Protein backbone atom coordinates (compact mmCIF):
# COMPACT_ATOMS: atom_id res chain seq x y z
CA UNK A 1 41.46 -55.59 -30.94
CA UNK A 2 41.17 -51.85 -30.73
CA UNK A 3 37.45 -52.09 -31.60
CA UNK A 4 36.87 -54.50 -28.71
CA UNK A 5 38.38 -52.05 -26.24
CA UNK A 6 35.96 -49.42 -27.49
CA UNK A 7 32.90 -51.70 -27.35
CA UNK A 8 33.45 -53.00 -23.80
CA UNK A 9 33.24 -49.56 -22.08
CA UNK A 10 30.15 -48.70 -24.11
CA UNK A 11 28.42 -51.95 -23.09
CA UNK A 12 29.50 -51.39 -19.49
CA UNK A 13 28.09 -47.85 -19.46
CA UNK A 14 24.89 -49.09 -21.05
CA UNK A 15 24.56 -51.79 -18.38
CA UNK A 16 25.19 -49.27 -15.61
CA UNK A 17 22.68 -46.94 -17.24
CA UNK A 18 19.98 -49.60 -17.34
CA UNK A 19 20.69 -50.56 -13.76
CA UNK A 20 20.60 -46.88 -12.73
CA UNK A 21 17.25 -46.40 -14.41
CA UNK A 22 15.89 -49.52 -12.68
CA UNK A 23 17.12 -48.39 -9.26
CA UNK A 24 15.79 -44.89 -9.83
CA UNK A 25 12.40 -46.29 -10.87
CA UNK A 26 12.29 -48.47 -7.75
CA UNK A 27 13.13 -45.51 -5.49
CA UNK A 28 10.46 -43.38 -7.16
CA UNK A 29 7.90 -46.14 -6.75
CA UNK A 30 8.56 -46.31 -3.01
CA UNK A 31 8.91 -42.57 -2.40
CA UNK A 32 6.03 -41.11 -4.41
CA UNK A 33 3.19 -42.42 -2.18
CA UNK A 34 4.95 -40.91 0.88
CA UNK A 35 5.11 -37.39 -0.51
CA UNK A 36 3.34 -34.73 1.63
CA UNK A 37 -0.02 -33.33 0.58
CA UNK A 38 0.29 -30.15 -1.46
CA UNK A 39 -2.87 -28.65 0.01
CA UNK A 40 -0.73 -25.76 1.31
CA UNK A 41 -0.30 -24.78 -2.34
CA UNK A 42 -3.75 -25.57 -3.72
CA UNK A 43 -5.23 -23.60 -0.80
CA UNK A 44 -2.46 -21.00 -0.59
CA UNK A 45 -2.91 -18.71 2.44
CA UNK A 46 0.33 -16.86 3.20
CA UNK A 47 0.96 -14.84 6.34
CA UNK A 48 -0.10 -11.25 5.76
CA UNK A 49 0.92 -8.63 8.36
CA UNK A 50 -1.39 -6.30 10.25
CA UNK A 51 -1.42 -2.88 8.59
CA UNK A 52 -2.66 0.35 10.19
CA UNK A 53 -3.79 3.38 8.16
CA UNK A 54 -4.97 6.93 8.71
CA UNK A 55 -8.57 7.82 7.85
CA UNK A 56 -7.33 9.08 4.47
CA UNK A 57 -5.53 5.81 3.65
CA UNK A 58 -1.90 6.53 4.57
CA UNK A 59 0.04 3.59 6.04
CA UNK A 60 1.35 4.38 9.55
CA UNK A 61 2.26 0.93 10.87
CA UNK A 62 2.89 -2.69 9.91
CA UNK A 63 3.28 -5.66 12.24
CA UNK A 64 4.11 -9.25 11.32
CA UNK A 65 6.83 -11.85 11.06
CA UNK A 66 6.83 -11.52 7.29
CA UNK A 67 6.46 -8.33 5.30
CA UNK A 68 4.30 -9.41 2.42
CA UNK A 69 1.90 -7.90 -0.12
CA UNK A 70 -0.12 -10.35 -2.19
CA UNK A 71 -0.25 -9.75 -5.93
CA UNK A 72 -2.17 -11.65 -8.62
CA UNK A 73 -0.16 -13.01 -11.52
CA UNK A 74 -2.18 -10.86 -13.95
CA UNK A 75 -0.98 -7.75 -12.08
CA UNK A 76 2.72 -8.65 -12.26
CA UNK A 77 4.36 -6.58 -15.03
CA UNK A 78 5.93 -8.47 -17.93
CA UNK A 79 9.38 -7.02 -17.21
CA UNK A 80 9.28 -8.51 -13.71
CA UNK A 81 8.20 -11.95 -14.96
CA UNK A 82 10.92 -11.90 -17.62
CA UNK A 83 13.59 -10.90 -15.12
CA UNK A 84 12.59 -13.76 -12.79
CA UNK A 85 12.60 -16.33 -15.60
CA UNK A 86 15.95 -15.08 -16.91
CA UNK A 87 17.52 -15.31 -13.44
CA UNK A 88 15.95 -18.52 -12.17
CA UNK A 89 14.30 -20.69 -14.84
CA UNK A 90 14.31 -19.66 -18.51
CA UNK A 91 12.65 -22.97 -19.59
CA UNK A 92 9.88 -22.69 -16.96
CA UNK A 93 7.07 -22.93 -19.52
CA UNK A 94 8.70 -25.88 -21.35
CA UNK A 95 9.62 -28.35 -18.57
CA UNK A 96 7.33 -30.43 -16.32
CA UNK A 97 8.94 -29.56 -13.00
CA UNK A 98 12.49 -30.73 -13.63
CA UNK A 99 14.53 -29.12 -16.40
CA UNK A 100 16.59 -31.99 -17.87
CA UNK A 101 18.46 -29.61 -20.15
CA UNK A 102 19.44 -27.55 -17.11
CA UNK A 103 20.46 -30.69 -15.20
CA UNK A 104 22.76 -31.82 -18.02
CA UNK A 105 24.23 -28.34 -18.38
CA UNK A 106 24.90 -28.13 -14.62
CA UNK A 107 26.43 -31.64 -14.59
CA UNK A 108 28.69 -30.76 -17.50
CA UNK A 109 29.86 -27.58 -15.78
CA UNK A 110 30.27 -29.11 -12.32
CA UNK A 111 31.83 -32.46 -13.19
CA UNK A 112 33.37 -32.45 -16.64
CA UNK A 113 34.68 -28.91 -17.02
CA UNK A 114 35.40 -28.18 -13.37
CA UNK A 115 33.96 -24.72 -13.86
CA UNK A 116 31.92 -22.60 -11.51
CA UNK A 117 29.30 -24.72 -9.76
CA UNK A 118 25.81 -24.42 -11.22
CA UNK A 119 22.44 -25.41 -9.85
CA UNK A 120 19.51 -26.84 -11.78
CA UNK A 121 16.60 -26.02 -9.49
CA UNK A 122 13.53 -24.89 -11.37
CA UNK A 123 10.99 -22.43 -10.01
CA UNK A 124 8.67 -25.37 -9.28
CA UNK A 125 11.44 -27.15 -7.34
CA UNK A 126 12.09 -23.97 -5.35
CA UNK A 127 8.39 -23.77 -4.45
CA UNK A 128 8.52 -27.42 -3.31
CA UNK A 129 11.61 -26.73 -1.19
CA UNK A 130 10.21 -23.56 0.40
CA UNK A 131 6.96 -25.19 1.45
CA UNK A 132 7.87 -28.78 2.27
CA UNK A 133 11.62 -29.42 2.53
CA UNK A 134 14.77 -28.24 4.24
CA UNK A 135 17.63 -26.56 2.40
CA UNK A 136 20.18 -29.31 3.16
CA UNK A 137 22.11 -30.48 0.10
CA UNK A 138 21.59 -34.25 0.11
CA UNK A 139 20.65 -36.69 -2.63
CA UNK A 140 17.50 -37.75 -0.75
CA UNK A 141 16.29 -34.18 -0.47
CA UNK A 142 16.95 -33.57 -4.18
CA UNK A 143 14.96 -36.68 -5.11
CA UNK A 144 12.01 -35.60 -2.97
CA UNK A 145 12.30 -32.09 -4.38
CA UNK A 146 12.05 -33.44 -7.95
CA UNK A 147 9.13 -35.72 -7.08
CA UNK A 148 7.26 -32.88 -5.39
CA UNK A 149 7.90 -30.71 -8.43
CA UNK A 150 6.22 -33.33 -10.64
CA UNK A 151 3.29 -33.52 -8.23
CA UNK A 152 2.90 -29.74 -8.13
CA UNK A 153 3.01 -29.47 -11.91
CA UNK A 154 0.31 -32.14 -12.14
CA UNK A 155 -1.98 -30.22 -9.75
CA UNK A 156 -1.42 -26.54 -10.63
CA UNK A 157 -1.09 -24.51 -13.79
CA UNK A 158 2.17 -22.76 -14.66
CA UNK A 159 0.60 -19.38 -13.87
CA UNK A 160 -0.53 -20.59 -10.44
CA UNK A 161 2.96 -21.91 -9.65
CA UNK A 162 4.61 -18.67 -10.76
CA UNK A 163 2.10 -16.61 -8.73
CA UNK A 164 2.89 -18.61 -5.57
CA UNK A 165 6.62 -18.21 -6.19
CA UNK A 166 6.32 -14.45 -6.73
CA UNK A 167 4.36 -14.04 -3.49
CA UNK A 168 6.23 -16.53 -1.29
CA UNK A 169 9.97 -16.25 -1.96
CA UNK A 170 12.18 -14.53 0.65
CA UNK A 171 14.08 -11.51 -0.71
CA UNK A 172 15.90 -10.04 2.30
CA UNK A 173 15.02 -7.13 4.63
CA UNK A 174 12.11 -9.25 6.01
CA UNK A 175 10.50 -8.97 2.57
CA UNK A 176 8.54 -11.97 1.30
CA UNK A 177 7.41 -11.75 -2.29
CA UNK A 178 8.33 -9.33 -5.04
CA UNK A 179 5.50 -6.85 -4.37
CA UNK A 180 6.74 -6.31 -0.82
CA UNK A 181 10.38 -6.15 -1.98
CA UNK A 182 9.52 -3.45 -4.54
CA UNK A 183 8.16 -1.25 -1.75
CA UNK A 184 10.97 -2.02 0.70
CA UNK A 185 13.90 -1.55 -1.69
CA UNK A 186 12.51 1.09 -4.06
CA UNK A 187 9.45 2.56 -2.34
CA UNK A 188 7.17 1.90 -5.31
CA UNK A 189 4.56 -0.66 -6.42
CA UNK A 190 5.54 -3.60 -8.60
CA UNK A 191 3.79 -2.12 -11.65
CA UNK A 192 6.15 0.88 -11.68
CA UNK A 193 9.46 -1.00 -11.72
CA UNK A 194 11.96 -0.36 -14.49
CA UNK A 195 13.96 -3.15 -16.15
CA UNK A 196 17.00 -2.23 -14.04
CA UNK A 197 14.97 -2.42 -10.80
CA UNK A 198 13.24 -5.66 -11.81
CA UNK A 199 16.63 -7.25 -12.56
CA UNK A 200 17.94 -6.18 -9.14
CA UNK A 201 15.00 -7.87 -7.40
CA UNK A 202 15.13 -10.95 -9.62
CA UNK A 203 18.74 -11.49 -8.57
CA UNK A 204 17.86 -11.76 -4.87
CA UNK A 205 16.36 -15.30 -4.53
CA UNK A 206 19.72 -16.98 -5.20
CA UNK A 207 21.25 -15.39 -2.06
CA UNK A 208 19.13 -12.67 -0.37
CA UNK A 209 21.87 -11.68 2.08
CA UNK A 210 24.80 -11.70 -0.36
CA UNK A 211 22.96 -9.79 -3.11
CA UNK A 212 21.07 -7.40 -0.82
CA UNK A 213 21.54 -3.88 -2.31
CA UNK A 214 21.23 -2.26 1.13
CA UNK A 215 23.85 -4.44 2.81
CA UNK A 216 26.06 -5.41 -0.14
CA UNK A 217 25.59 -2.91 -3.01
CA UNK A 218 28.64 -4.04 -5.03
CA UNK A 219 27.65 -7.71 -5.18
CA UNK A 220 24.02 -6.73 -5.79
CA UNK A 221 25.11 -4.66 -8.80
CA UNK A 222 27.14 -7.57 -10.21
CA UNK A 223 24.15 -9.89 -9.85
CA UNK A 224 21.83 -7.30 -11.45
CA UNK A 225 24.14 -6.98 -14.47
CA UNK A 226 24.16 -10.77 -14.85
CA UNK A 227 20.33 -10.87 -14.87
CA UNK A 228 20.19 -8.04 -17.41
CA UNK A 229 22.68 -9.89 -19.62
CA UNK A 230 20.55 -13.04 -19.45
CA UNK A 231 17.43 -11.01 -20.32
CA UNK A 232 19.20 -9.67 -23.42
CA UNK A 233 20.49 -13.12 -24.45
CA UNK A 234 17.02 -14.69 -24.16
CA UNK A 235 15.44 -11.81 -26.07
CA UNK A 236 13.51 -10.09 -23.26
CA UNK A 237 15.50 -6.87 -23.80
CA UNK A 238 16.71 -5.16 -26.97
CA UNK A 239 20.28 -3.92 -27.19
CA UNK A 240 19.08 -0.35 -26.55
CA UNK A 241 17.00 -1.39 -23.51
CA UNK A 242 19.91 -3.46 -22.20
CA UNK A 243 22.37 -0.56 -22.52
CA UNK A 244 19.94 1.83 -20.85
CA UNK A 245 19.22 -0.57 -17.95
CA UNK A 246 22.94 -1.14 -17.37
CA UNK A 247 23.54 2.59 -16.85
CA UNK A 248 20.36 3.32 -14.86
CA UNK A 249 21.03 4.73 -11.38
CA UNK A 250 18.98 2.98 -8.69
CA UNK A 251 17.61 4.84 -5.66
CA UNK A 252 17.74 2.18 -2.93
CA UNK A 253 15.82 2.89 0.25
CA UNK A 254 17.99 2.58 3.34
CA UNK A 255 15.29 2.78 5.99
CA UNK A 256 12.96 -0.19 6.44
CA UNK A 257 10.16 1.55 8.38
CA UNK A 258 9.81 4.52 6.09
CA UNK A 259 6.23 5.70 6.66
CA UNK A 260 4.96 8.96 5.24
CA UNK A 261 3.37 9.98 8.55
CA UNK A 262 4.72 9.56 12.08
CA UNK A 263 1.90 7.64 13.71
CA UNK A 264 3.91 5.06 15.66
CA UNK A 265 2.07 5.58 18.94
CA UNK A 266 -1.31 5.23 17.23
CA UNK A 267 -0.20 2.09 15.37
CA UNK A 268 1.03 0.52 18.60
CA UNK A 269 -2.33 1.25 20.28
CA UNK A 270 -4.10 -0.55 17.42
CA UNK A 271 -1.69 -3.49 17.63
CA UNK A 272 -2.37 -3.93 21.35
CA UNK A 273 -6.16 -3.77 20.84
CA UNK A 274 -6.07 -6.32 18.00
CA UNK A 275 -3.72 -8.61 19.94
CA UNK A 276 -6.18 -8.72 22.85
CA UNK A 277 -9.00 -9.74 20.52
CA UNK A 278 -7.15 -12.00 18.04
CA UNK A 279 -3.98 -13.17 19.84
CA UNK A 280 -3.32 -16.08 17.46
CA UNK A 281 -4.09 -14.32 14.18
CA UNK A 282 -3.12 -10.68 14.60
CA UNK A 283 0.18 -10.95 12.68
CA UNK A 284 -0.88 -13.34 9.92
CA UNK A 285 -4.51 -12.71 8.92
CA UNK A 286 -3.83 -9.54 6.96
CA UNK A 287 -5.99 -7.20 9.06
CA UNK A 288 -6.24 -3.66 7.67
CA UNK A 289 -7.26 -1.12 10.30
CA UNK A 290 -8.32 2.41 9.37
CA UNK A 291 -8.10 4.84 12.29
CA UNK A 292 -9.76 8.26 12.70
CA UNK A 293 -6.33 9.93 12.49
CA UNK A 294 -5.95 12.39 9.59
CA UNK A 295 -2.63 12.81 7.81
CA UNK A 296 -2.45 16.63 7.96
CA UNK A 297 -3.49 16.78 11.61
CA UNK A 298 -1.01 14.08 12.59
CA UNK A 299 1.85 15.80 10.75
CA UNK A 300 1.04 19.10 12.48
CA UNK A 301 0.86 17.44 15.90
CA UNK A 302 4.18 15.63 15.39
CA UNK A 303 5.92 18.82 14.24
CA UNK A 304 4.46 20.79 17.18
CA UNK A 305 5.70 18.27 19.75
CA UNK A 306 9.19 18.16 18.25
CA UNK A 307 9.47 21.93 17.91
CA UNK A 308 8.10 22.63 21.39
CA UNK A 309 10.40 20.17 23.16
CA UNK A 310 13.48 21.26 21.22
CA UNK A 311 12.78 24.92 22.01
CA UNK A 312 12.25 24.10 25.69
CA UNK A 313 15.45 22.04 25.77
CA UNK A 314 17.44 24.77 24.06
CA UNK A 315 16.44 27.30 26.73
CA UNK A 316 18.05 25.07 29.35
CA UNK A 317 21.47 24.96 27.67
CA UNK A 318 23.72 22.37 26.06
CA UNK A 319 24.55 19.35 28.23
CA UNK A 320 27.54 18.10 26.22
CA UNK A 321 28.47 15.06 24.14
CA UNK A 322 26.36 11.89 24.27
CA UNK A 323 29.45 9.71 24.50
CA UNK A 324 32.91 9.07 23.12
CA UNK A 325 34.53 6.55 20.79
CA UNK A 326 38.18 5.56 20.57
CA UNK A 327 38.83 6.09 16.87
CA UNK A 328 42.52 5.24 16.87
CA UNK A 329 44.11 4.74 13.46
CA UNK A 330 41.82 2.03 12.14
CA UNK A 331 42.64 0.88 8.63
CA UNK A 332 38.92 0.48 7.92
CA UNK A 333 37.96 3.94 9.16
CA UNK A 334 34.34 3.94 8.02
CA UNK A 335 33.64 0.57 9.65
CA UNK A 336 35.02 1.94 12.93
CA UNK A 337 32.85 5.06 12.58
CA UNK A 338 29.73 3.00 11.88
CA UNK A 339 30.44 0.84 14.91
CA UNK A 340 30.87 3.93 17.09
CA UNK A 341 27.41 5.20 16.06
CA UNK A 342 25.67 1.81 16.31
CA UNK A 343 24.19 2.58 19.75
CA UNK A 344 23.12 6.10 18.78
CA UNK A 345 20.28 5.83 16.23
CA UNK A 346 19.08 8.92 14.38
CA UNK A 347 15.84 10.52 15.53
CA UNK A 348 14.10 11.60 12.33
CA UNK A 349 16.04 14.70 11.17
CA UNK A 350 18.19 14.83 14.33
CA UNK A 351 21.25 12.85 13.30
CA UNK A 352 24.00 11.22 15.32
CA UNK A 353 27.48 12.30 14.21
CA UNK A 354 31.04 11.43 15.15
CA UNK A 355 33.45 14.32 15.67
CA UNK A 356 36.67 14.00 13.64
CA UNK A 357 38.09 17.45 14.43
CA UNK A 358 36.94 20.15 16.83
CA UNK A 359 37.86 23.72 17.65
CA UNK A 360 35.87 26.77 18.82
CA UNK A 361 35.74 27.91 15.20
CA UNK A 362 34.73 24.70 13.40
CA UNK A 363 33.68 21.11 14.01
CA UNK A 364 34.05 18.42 11.36
CA UNK A 365 31.85 15.39 11.94
CA UNK A 366 31.10 12.11 10.15
CA UNK A 367 27.54 10.86 9.77
CA UNK A 368 26.02 7.59 8.56
CA UNK A 369 26.28 7.16 4.83
CA UNK A 370 29.86 8.42 4.73
CA UNK A 371 29.22 12.17 4.58
CA UNK A 372 31.60 14.47 6.46
CA UNK A 373 29.99 17.79 7.44
CA UNK A 374 31.50 21.05 8.64
CA UNK A 375 29.71 23.05 11.35
CA UNK A 376 30.73 26.62 12.10
CA UNK A 377 29.42 30.10 12.90
CA UNK A 378 25.82 30.13 14.16
CA UNK A 379 25.75 26.34 14.01
CA UNK A 380 28.16 26.15 16.97
CA UNK A 381 26.55 28.87 19.10
CA UNK A 382 24.38 26.51 21.18
CA UNK A 383 27.32 24.21 22.03
CA UNK A 384 30.07 26.89 22.24
CA UNK A 385 30.64 26.39 25.98
CA UNK A 386 31.55 22.71 25.44
CA UNK A 387 34.19 23.60 22.83
CA UNK A 388 36.33 25.54 25.30
CA UNK A 389 39.41 24.06 26.98
CA UNK A 390 37.85 24.51 30.43
CA UNK A 391 34.75 22.44 29.53
CA UNK A 392 34.28 19.26 31.65
CA UNK A 393 36.34 16.43 30.09
CA UNK A 394 33.35 14.06 30.08
CA UNK A 395 31.17 16.57 28.21
CA UNK A 396 33.58 18.44 25.97
CA UNK A 397 33.25 18.26 22.18
CA UNK A 398 36.53 16.81 20.90
CA UNK A 399 37.74 14.13 18.47
CA UNK A 400 35.74 10.96 19.07
CA UNK A 401 32.77 12.77 20.65
CA UNK A 402 29.27 11.71 19.60
CA UNK A 403 26.99 14.67 19.04
CA UNK A 404 23.65 15.49 17.41
CA UNK A 405 23.32 17.65 14.33
CA UNK A 406 20.61 18.81 11.94
CA UNK A 407 20.00 21.54 9.39
CA UNK A 408 18.42 24.87 10.31
CA UNK A 409 15.83 26.75 8.23
CA UNK A 410 18.58 28.01 5.90
CA UNK A 411 20.02 24.55 5.30
CA UNK A 412 23.11 25.06 7.48
CA UNK A 413 24.35 22.35 9.83
CA UNK A 414 24.03 23.05 13.56
CA UNK A 415 24.77 21.25 16.82
CA UNK A 416 21.80 20.43 19.04
CA UNK A 417 20.75 17.64 21.40
CA UNK A 418 17.91 15.24 22.07
CA UNK A 419 15.60 16.67 24.75
CA UNK A 420 15.38 14.98 28.13
CA UNK A 421 11.84 16.26 28.74
CA UNK A 422 8.81 14.53 27.22
CA UNK A 423 5.41 15.73 26.04
CA UNK A 424 2.23 14.48 24.39
CA UNK A 425 -0.40 15.82 22.02
CA UNK A 426 -3.94 14.75 21.20
CA UNK A 427 -6.64 16.49 19.19
CA UNK A 428 -10.26 15.35 19.17
CA UNK A 429 -13.26 16.28 17.03
CA UNK A 430 -15.75 17.75 19.56
CA UNK A 431 -18.73 16.73 17.40
CA UNK A 432 -18.15 12.98 17.40
CA UNK A 433 -15.13 12.36 19.67
CA UNK A 434 -12.96 11.10 16.81
CA UNK A 435 -9.24 11.35 17.59
CA UNK A 436 -7.68 13.34 14.72
CA UNK A 437 -4.06 13.27 15.93
CA UNK A 438 -2.14 11.59 18.72
CA UNK A 439 1.57 11.81 19.56
CA UNK A 440 2.65 10.03 22.71
CA UNK A 441 6.20 11.35 22.96
CA UNK A 442 9.19 12.90 21.23
CA UNK A 443 10.43 9.71 19.52
CA UNK A 444 8.70 6.31 19.65
CA UNK A 445 11.90 4.40 18.85
CA UNK A 446 13.61 6.04 21.84
CA UNK A 447 10.73 5.84 24.32
CA UNK A 448 7.64 3.73 23.65
CA UNK A 449 5.82 4.98 26.76
CA UNK A 450 2.65 6.68 25.49
CA UNK A 451 2.20 9.89 27.47
CA UNK A 452 -1.35 10.28 26.13
CA UNK A 453 -2.77 6.93 27.26
CA UNK A 454 -0.29 5.65 29.87
CA UNK A 455 0.70 8.76 31.85
CA UNK A 456 -2.13 8.71 34.40
CA UNK A 457 -1.38 12.03 36.08
CA UNK A 458 -3.41 14.61 37.94
CA UNK A 459 -4.45 17.30 35.42
CA UNK A 460 -4.64 19.93 38.17
CA UNK A 461 -5.87 23.37 37.14
CA UNK A 462 -5.48 22.43 33.49
CA UNK A 463 -8.92 20.82 33.80
CA UNK A 464 -10.67 24.04 34.89
CA UNK A 465 -11.32 25.38 31.37
CA UNK A 466 -13.52 22.32 30.75
CA UNK A 467 -15.54 22.95 33.92
CA UNK A 468 -15.92 26.68 33.21
CA UNK A 469 -16.88 25.96 29.58
CA UNK A 470 -19.59 23.56 30.80
CA UNK A 471 -20.83 26.28 33.18
CA UNK A 472 -21.08 28.79 30.33
CA UNK A 473 -23.07 26.25 28.30
CA UNK A 474 -25.48 25.91 31.25
CA UNK A 475 -26.22 29.65 31.32
CA UNK A 476 -23.54 30.98 33.69
CA UNK A 477 -21.78 34.20 32.67
CA UNK A 478 -18.38 35.63 33.65
CA UNK A 479 -20.29 37.91 36.07
CA UNK A 480 -22.17 35.09 37.83
CA UNK A 481 -21.43 35.15 41.58
CA UNK A 482 -20.27 31.85 43.13
CA UNK A 483 -19.45 31.26 46.78
CA UNK A 484 -15.83 30.37 47.50
CA UNK A 485 -16.58 28.42 50.67
CA UNK A 486 -15.84 24.94 52.14
CA UNK A 487 -17.80 22.02 50.67
CA UNK A 488 -18.37 18.58 52.19
CA UNK A 489 -19.84 15.82 50.02
CA UNK A 490 -21.64 13.06 51.89
CA UNK A 491 -20.04 9.61 51.96
CA UNK A 492 -23.15 8.00 50.48
CA UNK A 493 -22.57 9.95 47.27
CA UNK A 494 -18.87 9.13 46.95
CA UNK A 495 -18.89 5.40 47.60
CA UNK A 496 -18.17 5.36 51.35
CA UNK A 497 -15.72 8.20 51.89
CA UNK A 498 -16.40 11.84 52.71
CA UNK A 499 -15.00 14.20 50.07
CA UNK A 500 -13.77 17.65 51.13
CA UNK A 501 -12.17 19.57 48.26
CA UNK A 502 -9.93 22.51 49.20
CA UNK A 503 -8.28 25.50 47.58
CA UNK A 504 -4.52 25.17 47.01
CA UNK A 505 -3.66 27.73 49.72
CA UNK A 506 -6.36 26.51 52.14
CA UNK A 507 -8.07 29.95 52.21
CA UNK A 508 -11.64 30.89 51.27
CA UNK A 509 -12.76 34.38 50.11
CA UNK A 510 -16.55 34.00 50.00
CA UNK A 511 -18.78 35.16 47.13
CA UNK A 512 -16.98 36.26 43.96
CA UNK A 513 -17.65 36.59 40.27
CA UNK A 514 -16.84 33.58 38.08
CA UNK A 515 -14.17 35.51 36.14
CA UNK A 516 -12.38 36.27 39.42
CA UNK A 517 -12.56 32.63 40.48
CA UNK A 518 -10.92 31.58 37.22
CA UNK A 519 -8.26 34.28 37.49
CA UNK A 520 -7.41 33.17 41.05
CA UNK A 521 -7.68 29.48 40.10
CA UNK A 522 -10.17 28.72 42.86
CA UNK A 523 -11.02 25.05 43.25
CA UNK A 524 -14.26 25.58 45.16
């Protein structure tokens, strides 16, 4: 009797199993012919952004929906491949698109043990999902995902699939592919990554926002340690390598657009030119544009503009705080401070700071990143007037005030301000007309108006050195006598309108030497 009760469930399960197999086979038979073409994979052409370089090969601008750098599978370091396989698909080279062992393990964990939910998506299934399917969690989508994985495995080699995955997957911070992520998060090429860095990147595909080391460093560290542990368990790392990678300090880049040279105005000029010529392809074809700008010249021009405008602004006195924030007694103080500075971005080395305490002797201010700085002595000299009790209430430096700070030549913090005036700088090679440096304003992120190319303004007497130089080239000398007298140019020579240039004061002094004309700034 007891034996019968054991046999019946087994026969029932077997019958259900056979029926399930039959139904599954029928579904596969109907669905497989309707699968999309995988030409997007066999002829893989990802979107590559427009990149702009100096003449000596330094990147100064990048434009595109996706930040991506293509890398061949042969150029991907072994440690990066191992980290990816450990994190996402350790049986990648054994399965045919669907990892049945992984499916059973996930089912056991999810259904029978009630443990933490596990997925069973292989790298091939992730490629299928990224190219052809949505991310909705339905049975139909999972079936199509598995079928597409089989189709992909039948058409491409394992190395081709892994190469597509490594170049295509989204990894946060607008980074697509591991080569781009290596530059964005660590500022180095893929080939130079350590095991600790590779594990950090390999942990991103599961949840790029949750495990982003810029946005969520604690969760990113937990995920990295998990990947390292898996690498050790599989045998990709020795115990010594594992211990070393666990303790390794990672230098995460905080700024996305971290170019070595400030050439934003030049890069924008190139973008506009390319957009006019290739409006549909400018952000996806992977154009690489090399300008005539030279790194050293551009750095000198940028520094000269910044120094000149700051010196000019300093001579006109301190205008007071940029704004004020109500700090209150927020429990999450740093979040409140960050929110207060959200509308006041840094300008290169000129940093926005939030005043916590202020007196004529010392100002304590909080800056992004959590550092609290003390400013005193010479560092307060420029803003001293706005620290007094009689300073205007809407300009005074007090608790909650938003100010600008930077370090002087001796490394001491000082109060300063962003200049209200603007300027531009351009240098040109006189032999061939090549533009060697171009700076269109103090800070491109603050004001994108290019004062070199867009500020169509009368040059006035600033143009006279060019005219006098041309005269010297034609044989004139400083002693050549020229008549300072009225001139009328016939309308037929000017396009229908008589031209009568005049001196600024309306007076004429007759014949004079060229040097005198230049000294008196004579127009005639």
